[in-house]
Amino acid sequence: MSEINKVVLAYSGGLDTSVILKWLQETYQCEVVTFTADIGQGEELEPARAKALAMGVQQIYIDDLREEFVRDFVFPMFRANTLYEGEYLLGTSIARPLIAKRLIEIANETGADAISHGATGKGNDQVRFELGAYALKPGVKVIAPWREWDLTSRETLLDYAEKHGIPVDRYGKKSPYSMDANLLHISYEGQVLENPWAEAEEDMWRWTVAPEAAPDKATYLELTFRAGDVTAIDGVEMSPATVLATLNRIGGDNGIGRLDLVENRYVGMKSRGCYETPGGTILLKAHRAIESLCLDREVAHLKDELMPRYASIIYNGYWWSPERRMLQAMIDASQAPVNGVVRLKLYKGNVMVAGRKSDDSLFDPTIATFEDDGGAYNQKDAEGFIKLNALRMRIAANKGR
């Protein structure tokens, strides 16, 4: 008799999680609760409910988490100007702690003994889901079928589905790529992309036109920031999720946000993936522009020094860790003066800053000018400044070192 009576499964309704649902019922002889998150992946989610009902599921959760996703996860991450390994905007990574949080909430609501997910034993997502789950509910049992069963390929999954009457279209058209999408990005892995020398096929991309096919006329945008977050586009107030969806559309139309990356996974291997993050690419450029006006130099530089650590924390699945919370408190405190408007020029895959303004600006034109500053800055002061900073090098040079 299994010690597991009820499991909450992160369920998409696709082949993998449909097989997992039946496998859990058979292997653990347990009740399965399904949870499907709408985080802006752009798919119709009600078919997942119908499939779950057909497989005997009695408790089905389909939750619209788009606003929470952007407000409480994406925006806080962008306050830090976060890039993993200098390029990746962490579109998949940042969605996992929210899914883990909701899995645990549902487990608590339904009295479930365990949670389950469809992440494989080779990827980062298993780490992210499970670190989040253990941080939020230390005693929870986690079932990761890909680490337990002997179903090792799409064909064996299809065979299992047919044997157990799970409705799937074995011969239907299927993307050759493993894809993950949410309001921040869409990712592509597998097939031709497993050869780092092979260029991604043009028809793979879903959200962006090719830069060379983008309009010949530039698009201008004005983003309004309040405490480091975008609150309006071209003067129109918007919710966080609407901001990101709007920037995705405008950025995609202008060929912005494509990335081809070989990254270092936390589990130890290198992986090649392609990403489309049009809205995030625009957000990053604009946020750095408004910070350049409003942040003290040493605060800005300290943020830049800490950012790679913060990025690794998120990439590796430690969103709910004390170190991420500590860094977040510091980052959020820095954003109080980050208010104003950034004007951007979008053109054929490029995002260029065309202007920025803020009532909290530290830019003083009377000091920065190359014209007569009326005595606001005494240029003779620079002599002593330079000599003091050169002192240690002059001493060393006199010693022949």
Protein backbone atom coordinates (compact mmCIF):
# COMPACT_ATOMS: atom_id res chain seq x y z
CA MET A 1 0.00 0.00 0.00
CA SER A 2 1.48 3.36 -1.06
CA GLU A 3 2.08 5.95 1.64
CA ILE A 4 0.96 8.57 -0.90
CA ASN A 5 -2.80 9.16 -0.85
CA LYS A 6 -3.04 12.37 -2.85
CA VAL A 7 -0.66 14.13 -5.28
CA VAL A 8 -0.83 17.59 -6.84
CA LEU A 9 0.45 17.37 -10.41
CA ALA A 10 1.69 20.34 -12.46
CA TYR A 11 -0.41 19.47 -15.51
CA SER A 12 -0.46 20.92 -19.02
CA GLY A 13 -2.67 18.33 -20.68
CA GLY A 14 0.07 17.44 -23.16
CA LEU A 15 1.53 14.01 -23.81
CA ASP A 16 4.06 13.95 -20.97
CA THR A 17 1.81 15.13 -18.15
CA SER A 18 -1.14 13.09 -19.39
CA VAL A 19 1.00 9.97 -19.19
CA ILE A 20 2.30 11.08 -15.78
CA LEU A 21 -1.27 11.48 -14.52
CA LYS A 22 -2.15 7.88 -15.42
CA TRP A 23 1.20 6.59 -14.21
CA LEU A 24 0.71 8.21 -10.80
CA GLN A 25 -2.75 6.66 -10.50
CA GLU A 26 -1.40 3.22 -11.38
CA THR A 27 1.95 3.28 -9.60
CA TYR A 28 0.94 4.97 -6.36
CA GLN A 29 -2.76 4.01 -6.33
CA CYS A 30 -3.44 7.59 -5.28
CA GLU A 31 -5.81 10.44 -6.02
CA VAL A 32 -4.34 13.06 -8.36
CA VAL A 33 -5.17 16.76 -8.21
CA THR A 34 -4.22 18.65 -11.38
CA PHE A 35 -2.91 22.21 -11.48
CA THR A 36 -2.59 24.15 -14.73
CA ALA A 37 -1.10 27.64 -14.60
CA ASP A 38 -1.89 30.37 -17.08
CA ILE A 39 1.28 32.48 -17.07
CA GLY A 40 0.74 33.82 -20.56
CA GLN A 41 1.87 30.86 -22.63
CA GLY A 42 -0.84 31.65 -25.17
CA GLU A 43 -2.50 28.23 -25.16
CA GLU A 44 -6.13 27.33 -24.60
CA LEU A 45 -6.24 25.72 -21.15
CA GLU A 46 -9.79 24.40 -20.94
CA PRO A 47 -8.93 21.24 -22.96
CA ALA A 48 -6.65 20.33 -20.04
CA ARG A 49 -9.71 20.33 -17.79
CA ALA A 50 -11.61 18.03 -20.15
CA LYS A 51 -8.69 15.60 -20.34
CA ALA A 52 -8.29 15.55 -16.58
CA LEU A 53 -12.01 14.92 -16.09
CA ALA A 54 -11.88 12.06 -18.59
CA MET A 55 -9.11 10.46 -16.52
CA GLY A 56 -11.12 10.58 -13.31
CA VAL A 57 -9.64 13.70 -11.71
CA GLN A 58 -12.06 15.28 -9.27
CA GLN A 59 -10.11 18.34 -8.16
CA ILE A 60 -8.89 20.46 -11.06
CA TYR A 61 -7.17 23.83 -10.67
CA ILE A 62 -6.73 26.14 -13.67
CA ASP A 63 -5.38 29.45 -12.38
CA ASP A 64 -4.77 32.73 -14.17
CA LEU A 65 -1.44 33.81 -12.67
CA ARG A 66 -0.39 36.33 -15.30
CA GLU A 67 -0.58 39.45 -13.16
CA GLU A 68 1.09 37.78 -10.18
CA PHE A 69 3.81 36.41 -12.46
CA VAL A 70 4.80 39.80 -13.84
CA ARG A 71 4.16 41.86 -10.70
CA ASP A 72 5.83 39.60 -8.12
CA PHE A 73 8.46 37.76 -10.15
CA VAL A 74 9.34 39.37 -13.51
CA PHE A 75 9.37 43.01 -12.38
CA PRO A 76 11.42 42.36 -9.20
CA MET A 77 13.97 40.49 -11.33
CA PHE A 78 14.21 43.34 -13.84
CA ARG A 79 14.83 45.85 -11.05
CA ALA A 80 18.23 44.13 -10.81
CA ASN A 81 18.87 44.29 -14.61
CA THR A 82 19.26 40.53 -14.44
CA LEU A 83 21.16 38.61 -17.12
CA TYR A 84 22.50 35.07 -16.72
CA GLU A 85 25.93 34.61 -18.31
CA GLY A 86 25.68 38.07 -19.84
CA GLU A 87 22.77 37.31 -22.18
CA TYR A 88 19.89 35.18 -20.92
CA LEU A 89 16.87 37.05 -19.51
CA LEU A 90 15.81 34.00 -17.45
CA GLY A 91 12.37 33.57 -18.98
CA THR A 92 11.96 29.92 -17.98
CA SER A 93 13.80 30.22 -14.67
CA ILE A 94 11.62 32.99 -13.25
CA ALA A 95 8.35 31.11 -13.88
CA ARG A 96 9.31 28.06 -11.83
CA PRO A 97 9.19 29.56 -8.32
CA LEU A 98 5.63 30.77 -8.94
CA ILE A 99 4.53 27.31 -10.10
CA ALA A 100 6.24 25.73 -7.08
CA LYS A 101 4.49 28.21 -4.78
CA ARG A 102 1.06 27.42 -6.21
CA LEU A 103 1.71 23.64 -6.11
CA ILE A 104 2.41 23.90 -2.39
CA GLU A 105 -0.62 26.14 -1.78
CA ILE A 106 -2.87 23.60 -3.50
CA ALA A 107 -1.25 20.73 -1.59
CA ASN A 108 -2.07 22.56 1.64
CA GLU A 109 -5.64 23.32 0.51
CA THR A 110 -6.38 19.76 -0.57
CA GLY A 111 -4.43 17.88 2.09
CA ALA A 112 -2.14 16.27 -0.48
CA ASP A 113 0.90 14.26 0.63
CA ALA A 114 3.02 15.01 -2.45
CA ILE A 115 3.54 17.11 -5.54
CA SER A 116 4.67 15.93 -8.96
CA HIS A 117 6.12 17.54 -12.08
CA GLY A 118 7.12 16.58 -15.60
CA ALA A 119 10.68 17.92 -15.61
CA THR A 120 13.34 15.48 -16.79
CA GLY A 121 16.37 14.34 -14.83
CA LYS A 122 18.71 16.19 -17.21
CA GLY A 123 17.35 19.70 -16.86
CA ASN A 124 17.30 22.65 -14.51
CA ASP A 125 13.55 22.68 -13.93
CA GLN A 126 13.56 19.67 -11.63
CA VAL A 127 15.93 21.60 -9.36
CA ARG A 128 13.87 24.78 -9.49
CA PHE A 129 10.54 23.09 -8.75
CA GLU A 130 11.89 20.99 -5.93
CA LEU A 131 14.07 23.61 -4.23
CA GLY A 132 11.02 25.89 -4.20
CA ALA A 133 8.77 23.15 -2.85
CA TYR A 134 11.13 22.21 -0.04
CA ALA A 135 11.69 25.86 0.91
CA LEU A 136 7.94 26.41 1.24
CA LYS A 137 6.94 23.01 2.70
CA PRO A 138 10.00 21.17 4.05
CA GLY A 139 8.28 17.82 4.58
CA VAL A 140 6.56 17.55 1.22
CA LYS A 141 7.12 14.44 -0.89
CA VAL A 142 8.18 15.13 -4.48
CA ILE A 143 7.51 12.59 -7.24
CA ALA A 144 9.55 13.09 -10.42
CA PRO A 145 8.43 10.31 -12.82
CA TRP A 146 11.25 10.91 -15.30
CA ARG A 147 13.66 9.81 -12.55
CA GLU A 148 11.62 6.71 -11.73
CA TRP A 149 9.98 5.16 -14.76
CA ASP A 150 11.38 3.31 -17.78
CA LEU A 151 9.62 5.44 -20.39
CA THR A 152 12.62 7.02 -22.06
CA SER A 153 11.38 8.43 -25.38
CA ARG A 154 8.40 9.98 -27.12
CA GLU A 155 7.59 6.63 -28.73
CA THR A 156 7.45 4.81 -25.40
CA LEU A 157 5.20 7.57 -24.04
CA LEU A 158 2.90 7.21 -27.05
CA ASP A 159 2.80 3.44 -26.60
CA TYR A 160 1.88 3.87 -22.94
CA ALA A 161 -0.83 6.39 -23.84
CA GLU A 162 -2.40 4.06 -26.42
CA LYS A 163 -2.27 1.09 -24.05
CA HIS A 164 -4.09 3.04 -21.33
CA GLY A 165 -6.60 4.82 -23.54
CA ILE A 166 -5.11 8.29 -23.13
CA PRO A 167 -6.27 10.38 -26.11
CA VAL A 168 -3.26 11.58 -28.11
CA ASP A 169 -2.65 12.22 -31.79
CA ARG A 170 0.26 9.92 -32.55
CA TYR A 171 0.69 11.02 -36.13
CA GLY A 172 -0.33 14.64 -35.81
CA LYS A 173 2.00 17.49 -36.65
CA LYS A 174 4.30 18.22 -33.72
CA SER A 175 6.97 20.86 -33.36
CA PRO A 176 10.43 19.30 -33.56
CA TYR A 177 11.53 21.52 -30.67
CA SER A 178 11.05 21.33 -26.95
CA MET A 179 9.39 24.66 -26.18
CA ASP A 180 8.46 26.60 -23.08
CA ALA A 181 6.45 29.81 -23.15
CA ASN A 182 5.13 32.41 -20.75
CA LEU A 183 4.52 36.16 -20.79
CA LEU A 184 8.25 36.86 -20.61
CA HIS A 185 9.56 34.56 -23.33
CA ILE A 186 9.40 31.46 -25.48
CA SER A 187 12.31 29.00 -25.60
CA TYR A 188 13.37 26.35 -28.09
CA GLU A 189 15.64 23.34 -27.53
CA GLY A 190 16.39 20.02 -29.21
CA GLN A 191 16.59 18.64 -32.74
CA VAL A 192 18.73 20.79 -35.07
CA LEU A 193 19.61 23.09 -32.15
CA GLU A 194 21.60 20.29 -30.54
CA ASN A 195 24.31 21.12 -33.08
CA PRO A 196 25.79 24.45 -31.91
CA TRP A 197 27.07 25.14 -35.44
CA ALA A 198 23.65 24.85 -37.08
CA GLU A 199 21.74 28.08 -37.55
CA ALA A 200 18.19 28.12 -36.21
CA GLU A 201 15.61 27.80 -38.98
CA GLU A 202 13.64 30.95 -39.67
CA ASP A 203 10.27 29.20 -39.40
CA MET A 204 11.09 28.15 -35.83
CA TRP A 205 10.53 31.64 -34.43
CA ARG A 206 6.97 32.32 -33.24
CA TRP A 207 6.88 35.80 -31.67
CA THR A 208 9.28 37.93 -33.71
CA VAL A 209 9.71 38.81 -37.34
CA ALA A 210 13.23 38.58 -38.71
CA PRO A 211 15.01 41.92 -38.18
CA GLU A 212 15.56 42.29 -41.91
CA ALA A 213 11.79 41.88 -42.46
CA ALA A 214 10.83 44.42 -39.77
CA PRO A 215 9.35 47.78 -40.80
CA ASP A 216 11.62 50.28 -42.54
CA LYS A 217 10.32 53.04 -40.28
CA ALA A 218 11.36 53.25 -36.64
CA THR A 219 8.83 52.86 -33.83
CA TYR A 220 9.07 55.24 -30.87
CA LEU A 221 7.86 54.35 -27.36
CA GLU A 222 7.73 56.19 -24.06
CA LEU A 223 7.86 54.07 -20.90
CA THR A 224 6.94 55.59 -17.54
CA PHE A 225 8.73 54.20 -14.49
CA ARG A 226 7.66 54.33 -10.87
CA ALA A 227 10.01 52.84 -8.25
CA GLY A 228 11.79 50.87 -10.97
CA ASP A 229 8.70 49.34 -12.61
CA VAL A 230 6.98 50.35 -15.85
CA THR A 231 3.50 51.66 -15.09
CA ALA A 232 2.53 53.23 -18.43
CA ILE A 233 3.30 53.04 -22.14
CA ASP A 234 2.95 56.24 -24.15
CA GLY A 235 1.18 57.78 -21.18
CA VAL A 236 -1.45 55.03 -20.88
CA GLU A 237 -1.49 53.40 -17.42
CA MET A 238 -1.36 49.60 -17.60
CA SER A 239 -1.20 46.62 -15.27
CA PRO A 240 2.11 44.72 -15.12
CA ALA A 241 0.89 41.85 -17.32
CA THR A 242 -0.58 44.26 -19.87
CA VAL A 243 2.70 46.20 -19.98
CA LEU A 244 4.66 43.06 -20.81
CA ALA A 245 2.12 41.73 -23.32
CA THR A 246 2.09 45.10 -25.11
CA LEU A 247 5.88 45.29 -25.25
CA ASN A 248 6.00 41.73 -26.56
CA ARG A 249 3.70 42.65 -29.43
CA ILE A 250 5.51 45.87 -30.33
CA GLY A 251 8.95 44.32 -29.91
CA GLY A 252 8.04 41.25 -31.94
CA ASP A 253 6.76 43.42 -34.78
CA ASN A 254 10.16 45.15 -34.85
CA GLY A 255 12.28 41.98 -34.79
CA ILE A 256 13.49 42.53 -31.23
CA GLY A 257 14.43 39.89 -28.67
CA ARG A 258 15.94 36.89 -30.46
CA LEU A 259 18.81 35.09 -28.72
CA ASP A 260 20.86 32.01 -29.59
CA LEU A 261 22.78 30.83 -26.52
CA VAL A 262 24.94 28.00 -25.23
CA GLU A 263 24.44 28.11 -21.46
CA ASN A 264 25.85 26.24 -18.49
CA ARG A 265 23.11 24.27 -16.75
CA TYR A 266 23.19 23.88 -12.99
CA VAL A 267 23.24 20.08 -13.35
CA GLY A 268 26.61 20.32 -15.10
CA MET A 269 26.12 20.15 -18.86
CA LYS A 270 26.18 22.80 -21.55
CA SER A 271 22.94 23.30 -23.45
CA ARG A 272 22.15 25.25 -26.61
CA GLY A 273 18.83 27.05 -26.67
CA CYS A 274 17.12 29.81 -28.60
CA TYR A 275 14.90 32.40 -26.96
CA GLU A 276 12.49 35.14 -27.91
CA THR A 277 12.09 37.84 -25.25
CA PRO A 278 10.91 40.96 -27.06
CA GLY A 279 9.25 42.75 -24.14
CA GLY A 280 12.01 41.84 -21.73
CA THR A 281 14.69 43.13 -24.08
CA ILE A 282 12.92 46.49 -24.23
CA LEU A 283 12.38 46.56 -20.46
CA LEU A 284 16.05 45.94 -19.71
CA LYS A 285 17.24 48.72 -22.01
CA ALA A 286 14.72 51.20 -20.63
CA HIS A 287 15.35 50.34 -17.00
CA ARG A 288 19.09 50.83 -17.32
CA ALA A 289 18.43 54.16 -19.04
CA ILE A 290 16.26 55.55 -16.23
CA GLU A 291 18.67 54.21 -13.59
CA SER A 292 21.51 56.04 -15.32
CA LEU A 293 19.78 59.30 -14.42
CA CYS A 294 18.48 58.48 -10.97
CA LEU A 295 20.95 56.19 -9.19
CA ASP A 296 24.04 57.25 -7.30
CA ARG A 297 27.21 56.02 -9.00
CA GLU A 298 28.29 53.63 -6.24
CA VAL A 299 24.77 52.24 -5.82
CA ALA A 300 24.59 51.55 -9.56
CA HIS A 301 28.02 49.93 -9.61
CA LEU A 302 27.28 47.79 -6.55
CA LYS A 303 24.08 46.59 -8.20
CA ASP A 304 26.06 45.64 -11.30
CA GLU A 305 28.59 43.73 -9.21
CA LEU A 306 25.89 41.77 -7.39
CA MET A 307 23.72 41.12 -10.46
CA PRO A 308 25.58 38.01 -11.74
CA ARG A 309 25.18 36.40 -8.31
CA TYR A 310 21.51 37.33 -8.25
CA ALA A 311 21.09 35.89 -11.77
CA SER A 312 22.72 32.60 -10.78
CA ILE A 313 20.48 32.39 -7.71
CA ILE A 314 17.41 32.58 -9.93
CA TYR A 315 18.79 30.35 -12.69
CA ASN A 316 19.74 27.66 -10.21
CA GLY A 317 16.37 27.63 -8.48
CA TYR A 318 17.00 29.55 -5.25
CA TRP A 319 14.28 32.20 -5.60
CA TRP A 320 12.84 31.29 -2.18
CA SER A 321 16.25 31.26 -0.50
CA PRO A 322 17.27 33.72 2.24
CA GLU A 323 20.10 35.08 0.10
CA ARG A 324 17.72 36.02 -2.74
CA ARG A 325 15.32 37.68 -0.29
CA MET A 326 18.23 39.63 1.20
CA LEU A 327 19.44 40.81 -2.20
CA GLN A 328 15.90 41.66 -3.25
CA ALA A 329 15.40 43.89 -0.22
CA MET A 330 18.56 45.81 -1.13
CA ILE A 331 17.62 46.04 -4.82
CA ASP A 332 14.08 47.20 -4.06
CA ALA A 333 15.36 49.85 -1.66
CA SER A 334 17.58 51.22 -4.43
CA GLN A 335 14.58 51.72 -6.71
CA ALA A 336 12.74 54.39 -4.69
CA PRO A 337 14.18 57.25 -6.83
CA VAL A 338 13.96 55.32 -10.13
CA ASN A 339 11.07 57.35 -11.53
CA GLY A 340 10.61 59.06 -14.85
CA VAL A 341 10.13 58.50 -18.56
CA VAL A 342 12.36 56.80 -21.13
CA ARG A 343 11.87 57.34 -24.86
CA LEU A 344 12.99 54.42 -27.02
CA LYS A 345 13.55 53.97 -30.73
CA LEU A 346 12.91 50.46 -32.08
CA TYR A 347 14.29 49.62 -35.47
CA LYS A 348 14.97 46.27 -37.13
CA GLY A 349 15.96 44.29 -34.06
CA ASN A 350 17.57 47.19 -32.21
CA VAL A 351 16.44 49.03 -29.10
CA MET A 352 17.99 52.50 -28.80
CA VAL A 353 17.51 55.09 -26.08
CA ALA A 354 16.25 58.34 -27.62
CA GLY A 355 15.74 60.26 -24.39
CA ARG A 356 15.16 60.06 -20.66
CA LYS A 357 13.85 62.46 -18.02
CA SER A 358 13.10 62.36 -14.30
CA ASP A 359 12.22 64.67 -11.45
CA ASP A 360 14.65 62.53 -9.40
CA SER A 361 17.51 62.93 -11.86
CA LEU A 362 21.03 63.38 -10.47
CA PHE A 363 22.22 64.73 -13.81
CA ASP A 364 23.22 68.39 -13.35
CA PRO A 365 23.70 70.13 -16.71
CA THR A 366 25.36 73.15 -15.07
CA ILE A 367 28.18 70.87 -13.91
CA ALA A 368 28.33 68.46 -16.84
CA THR A 369 28.41 71.14 -19.56
CA PHE A 370 31.44 71.64 -21.80
CA GLU A 371 30.53 75.31 -21.98
CA ASP A 372 31.08 77.95 -19.27
CA ASP A 373 29.63 76.51 -16.05
CA GLY A 374 29.77 79.79 -14.11
CA GLY A 375 32.13 78.35 -11.52
CA ALA A 376 29.93 75.38 -10.58
CA TYR A 377 32.94 73.07 -10.98
CA ASN A 378 36.53 74.08 -10.17
CA GLN A 379 38.71 72.23 -12.65
CA LYS A 380 41.81 72.86 -10.53
CA ASP A 381 40.38 70.43 -7.92
CA ALA A 382 41.08 67.56 -10.33
CA GLU A 383 44.87 67.98 -9.91
CA GLY A 384 44.92 66.92 -6.25
CA PHE A 385 42.37 64.20 -6.91
CA ILE A 386 44.57 62.66 -9.59
CA LYS A 387 47.79 62.95 -7.55
CA LEU A 388 46.23 61.28 -4.50
CA ASN A 389 44.88 58.42 -6.62
CA ALA A 390 48.28 58.02 -8.28
CA LEU A 391 50.20 58.00 -4.96
CA ARG A 392 50.41 54.22 -4.51
CA MET A 393 51.53 53.73 -8.14
CA ARG A 394 54.17 56.47 -7.83
CA ILE A 395 55.56 54.86 -4.66
CA ALA A 396 55.71 51.47 -6.34
CA ALA A 397 57.39 52.94 -9.44
CA ASN A 398 60.04 54.61 -7.29
CA LYS A 399 60.82 51.19 -5.82
CA GLY A 400 61.18 49.74 -9.31
CA ARG A 401 57.99 47.68 -8.98
